[in-house]
């Protein structure tokens, strides 16, 4: 994930309902939304491959991006979209926390067996 925005072939935030089309969203808003979605995908890939080293920094980066998106949301519809992203991020972070706890428990069990 680049600092300038998501990769051209990476995941994208899509509007599936509402009065705004992707072309009418401000460019900065689309870039931030796409970056949040891409960051989430990278977190998932890191977890799936067992590489936990970057997960905490990616979660923090995603929170920063969400805060920037929230600050740019000046109408009801964009605030609703941000609220939906926030809910998804909370769920994602709960899942990461559960996976981390399971990893620690498995590591502790392996240490006790040795």
C-alpha atoms as a PDB file:
ATOM      1  CA  UNK A   1       0.000   0.000   0.000  1.00  0.00           C
ATOM      2  CA  UNK A   2       1.490   3.314  -1.001  1.00  0.00           C
ATOM      3  CA  UNK A   3       1.238   6.519   0.953  1.00  0.00           C
ATOM      4  CA  UNK A   4      -0.333   8.223  -2.061  1.00  0.00           C
ATOM      5  CA  UNK A   5      -3.272   5.897  -2.355  1.00  0.00           C
ATOM      6  CA  UNK A   6      -4.330   2.395  -3.266  1.00  0.00           C
ATOM      7  CA  UNK A   7      -2.794   0.352  -6.057  1.00  0.00           C
ATOM      8  CA  UNK A   8      -4.619   0.548  -9.362  1.00  0.00           C
ATOM      9  CA  UNK A   9      -5.482  -3.159  -9.233  1.00  0.00           C
ATOM     10  CA  UNK A  10      -6.142  -3.308  -5.469  1.00  0.00           C
ATOM     11  CA  UNK A  11      -9.473  -3.470  -3.652  1.00  0.00           C
ATOM     12  CA  UNK A  12     -11.810  -0.520  -4.102  1.00  0.00           C
ATOM     13  CA  UNK A  13     -14.568   1.031  -2.034  1.00  0.00           C
ATOM     14  CA  UNK A  14     -17.818   0.714  -3.955  1.00  0.00           C
ATOM     15  CA  UNK A  15     -21.061   2.569  -3.447  1.00  0.00           C
ATOM     16  CA  UNK A  16     -23.883   0.105  -3.753  1.00  0.00           C
ATOM     17  CA  UNK A  17     -26.786   2.251  -2.656  1.00  0.00           C
ATOM     18  CA  UNK A  18     -27.559   5.917  -2.324  1.00  0.00           C
ATOM     19  CA  UNK A  19     -27.811   9.084  -4.341  1.00  0.00           C
ATOM     20  CA  UNK A  20     -24.105   9.596  -4.987  1.00  0.00           C
ATOM     21  CA  UNK A  21     -22.202   7.919  -7.756  1.00  0.00           C
ATOM     22  CA  UNK A  22     -18.504   7.192  -7.553  1.00  0.00           C
ATOM     23  CA  UNK A  23     -17.846   9.907 -10.109  1.00  0.00           C
ATOM     24  CA  UNK A  24     -19.517  12.568  -7.927  1.00  0.00           C
ATOM     25  CA  UNK A  25     -17.532  11.743  -4.790  1.00  0.00           C
ATOM     26  CA  UNK A  26     -14.624  14.057  -4.088  1.00  0.00           C
ATOM     27  CA  UNK A  27     -11.347  12.522  -5.261  1.00  0.00           C
ATOM     28  CA  UNK A  28      -9.780  12.702  -1.788  1.00  0.00           C
ATOM     29  CA  UNK A  29     -12.782  10.891  -0.304  1.00  0.00           C
ATOM     30  CA  UNK A  30     -12.497   8.074  -2.859  1.00  0.00           C
ATOM     31  CA  UNK A  31      -8.744   7.753  -2.311  1.00  0.00           C
ATOM     32  CA  UNK A  32      -9.172   7.543   1.470  1.00  0.00           C
ATOM     33  CA  UNK A  33     -12.002   5.017   1.194  1.00  0.00           C
ATOM     34  CA  UNK A  34     -10.047   2.869  -1.241  1.00  0.00           C
ATOM     35  CA  UNK A  35      -6.968   3.087   1.009  1.00  0.00           C
ATOM     36  CA  UNK A  36      -8.999   1.889   4.002  1.00  0.00           C
ATOM     37  CA  UNK A  37     -10.333  -1.070   2.036  1.00  0.00           C
ATOM     38  CA  UNK A  38      -6.867  -1.914   0.715  1.00  0.00           C
ATOM     39  CA  UNK A  39      -5.343  -1.644   4.195  1.00  0.00           C
ATOM     40  CA  UNK A  40      -7.969  -4.096   5.436  1.00  0.00           C
ATOM     41  CA  UNK A  41      -7.069  -6.498   2.616  1.00  0.00           C
ATOM     42  CA  UNK A  42      -3.368  -6.266   3.484  1.00  0.00           C
ATOM     43  CA  UNK A  43      -4.154  -6.955   7.155  1.00  0.00           C
ATOM     44  CA  UNK A  44      -6.065 -10.048   6.076  1.00  0.00           C
ATOM     45  CA  UNK A  45      -3.198 -11.245   3.886  1.00  0.00           C
ATOM     46  CA  UNK A  46      -0.700 -10.698   6.711  1.00  0.00           C
ATOM     47  CA  UNK A  47      -2.858 -12.687   9.122  1.00  0.00           C
ATOM     48  CA  UNK A  48      -3.558 -15.470   6.644  1.00  0.00           C
ATOM     49  CA  UNK A  49       0.144 -15.930   5.991  1.00  0.00           C
ATOM     50  CA  UNK A  50       1.020 -15.836   9.694  1.00  0.00           C
ATOM     51  CA  UNK A  51       3.051 -12.633   9.404  1.00  0.00           C
ATOM     52  CA  UNK A  52       1.970 -10.593  12.408  1.00  0.00           C
ATOM     53  CA  UNK A  53       4.845  -8.093  12.458  1.00  0.00           C
ATOM     54  CA  UNK A  54       3.048  -5.358  10.490  1.00  0.00           C
ATOM     55  CA  UNK A  55      -0.514  -5.971  11.702  1.00  0.00           C
ATOM     56  CA  UNK A  56      -0.463  -3.436  14.567  1.00  0.00           C
ATOM     57  CA  UNK A  57       0.977  -0.679  12.373  1.00  0.00           C
ATOM     58  CA  UNK A  58      -1.520  -1.462   9.597  1.00  0.00           C
ATOM     59  CA  UNK A  59      -4.409  -1.279  12.060  1.00  0.00           C
ATOM     60  CA  UNK A  60      -3.128   2.093  13.290  1.00  0.00           C
ATOM     61  CA  UNK A  61      -2.745   3.334   9.696  1.00  0.00           C
ATOM     62  CA  UNK A  62      -6.308   2.249   8.924  1.00  0.00           C
ATOM     63  CA  UNK A  63      -7.577   4.156  11.980  1.00  0.00           C
ATOM     64  CA  UNK A  64      -5.724   7.280  10.808  1.00  0.00           C
ATOM     65  CA  UNK A  65      -7.229   6.958   7.331  1.00  0.00           C
ATOM     66  CA  UNK A  66     -10.697   6.541   8.818  1.00  0.00           C
ATOM     67  CA  UNK A  67     -10.223   9.664  10.943  1.00  0.00           C
ATOM     68  CA  UNK A  68      -9.231  11.607   7.819  1.00  0.00           C
ATOM     69  CA  UNK A  69     -12.285  10.279   5.977  1.00  0.00           C
ATOM     70  CA  UNK A  70     -14.540  11.162   8.921  1.00  0.00           C
ATOM     71  CA  UNK A  71     -13.158  14.724   8.914  1.00  0.00           C
ATOM     72  CA  UNK A  72     -14.033  15.087   5.204  1.00  0.00           C
ATOM     73  CA  UNK A  73     -17.573  13.733   5.616  1.00  0.00           C
ATOM     74  CA  UNK A  74     -19.800  16.759   5.634  1.00  0.00           C
ATOM     75  CA  UNK A  75     -23.222  15.397   4.711  1.00  0.00           C
ATOM     76  CA  UNK A  76     -25.583  12.779   6.072  1.00  0.00           C
ATOM     77  CA  UNK A  77     -24.902  10.201   3.383  1.00  0.00           C
ATOM     78  CA  UNK A  78     -21.123  10.355   3.707  1.00  0.00           C
ATOM     79  CA  UNK A  79     -21.383  10.190   7.511  1.00  0.00           C
ATOM     80  CA  UNK A  80     -23.547   7.067   7.171  1.00  0.00           C
ATOM     81  CA  UNK A  81     -20.935   5.520   4.906  1.00  0.00           C
ATOM     82  CA  UNK A  82     -18.187   6.338   7.413  1.00  0.00           C
ATOM     83  CA  UNK A  83     -20.297   4.850  10.208  1.00  0.00           C
ATOM     84  CA  UNK A  84     -20.640   1.626   8.193  1.00  0.00           C
ATOM     85  CA  UNK A  85     -16.875   1.530   7.633  1.00  0.00           C
ATOM     86  CA  UNK A  86     -16.301   2.163  11.346  1.00  0.00           C
ATOM     87  CA  UNK A  87     -18.582  -0.742  12.250  1.00  0.00           C
ATOM     88  CA  UNK A  88     -16.751  -3.024   9.810  1.00  0.00           C
ATOM     89  CA  UNK A  89     -13.391  -1.924  11.226  1.00  0.00           C
ATOM     90  CA  UNK A  90     -14.541  -2.594  14.806  1.00  0.00           C
ATOM     91  CA  UNK A  91     -15.622  -6.083  13.758  1.00  0.00           C
ATOM     92  CA  UNK A  92     -12.321  -6.600  11.952  1.00  0.00           C
ATOM     93  CA  UNK A  93     -10.311  -5.528  14.994  1.00  0.00           C
ATOM     94  CA  UNK A  94     -12.304  -7.866  17.237  1.00  0.00           C
ATOM     95  CA  UNK A  95     -11.488 -10.725  14.871  1.00  0.00           C
ATOM     96  CA  UNK A  96      -7.795  -9.795  14.880  1.00  0.00           C
ATOM     97  CA  UNK A  97      -7.813  -9.656  18.697  1.00  0.00           C
ATOM     98  CA  UNK A  98      -9.407 -13.124  18.879  1.00  0.00           C
ATOM     99  CA  UNK A  99      -6.868 -14.502  16.412  1.00  0.00           C
ATOM    100  CA  UNK A 100      -4.032 -12.951  18.424  1.00  0.00           C
ATOM    101  CA  UNK A 101      -5.369 -14.494  21.629  1.00  0.00           C
ATOM    102  CA  UNK A 102      -5.615 -17.892  19.951  1.00  0.00           C
ATOM    103  CA  UNK A 103      -2.063 -17.520  18.656  1.00  0.00           C
ATOM    104  CA  UNK A 104      -0.758 -16.678  22.128  1.00  0.00           C
ATOM    105  CA  UNK A 105      -2.673 -19.597  23.652  1.00  0.00           C
ATOM    106  CA  UNK A 106      -1.283 -21.983  21.032  1.00  0.00           C
ATOM    107  CA  UNK A 107       2.226 -20.670  21.612  1.00  0.00           C
ATOM    108  CA  UNK A 108       1.847 -21.118  25.364  1.00  0.00           C
ATOM    109  CA  UNK A 109       0.547 -24.664  24.888  1.00  0.00           C
ATOM    110  CA  UNK A 110       3.521 -25.478  22.671  1.00  0.00           C
ATOM    111  CA  UNK A 111       5.908 -24.118  25.289  1.00  0.00           C
ATOM    112  CA  UNK A 112       4.306 -26.269  27.988  1.00  0.00           C
ATOM    113  CA  UNK A 113       4.653 -29.402  25.853  1.00  0.00           C
ATOM    114  CA  UNK A 114       8.409 -28.828  25.464  1.00  0.00           C
END
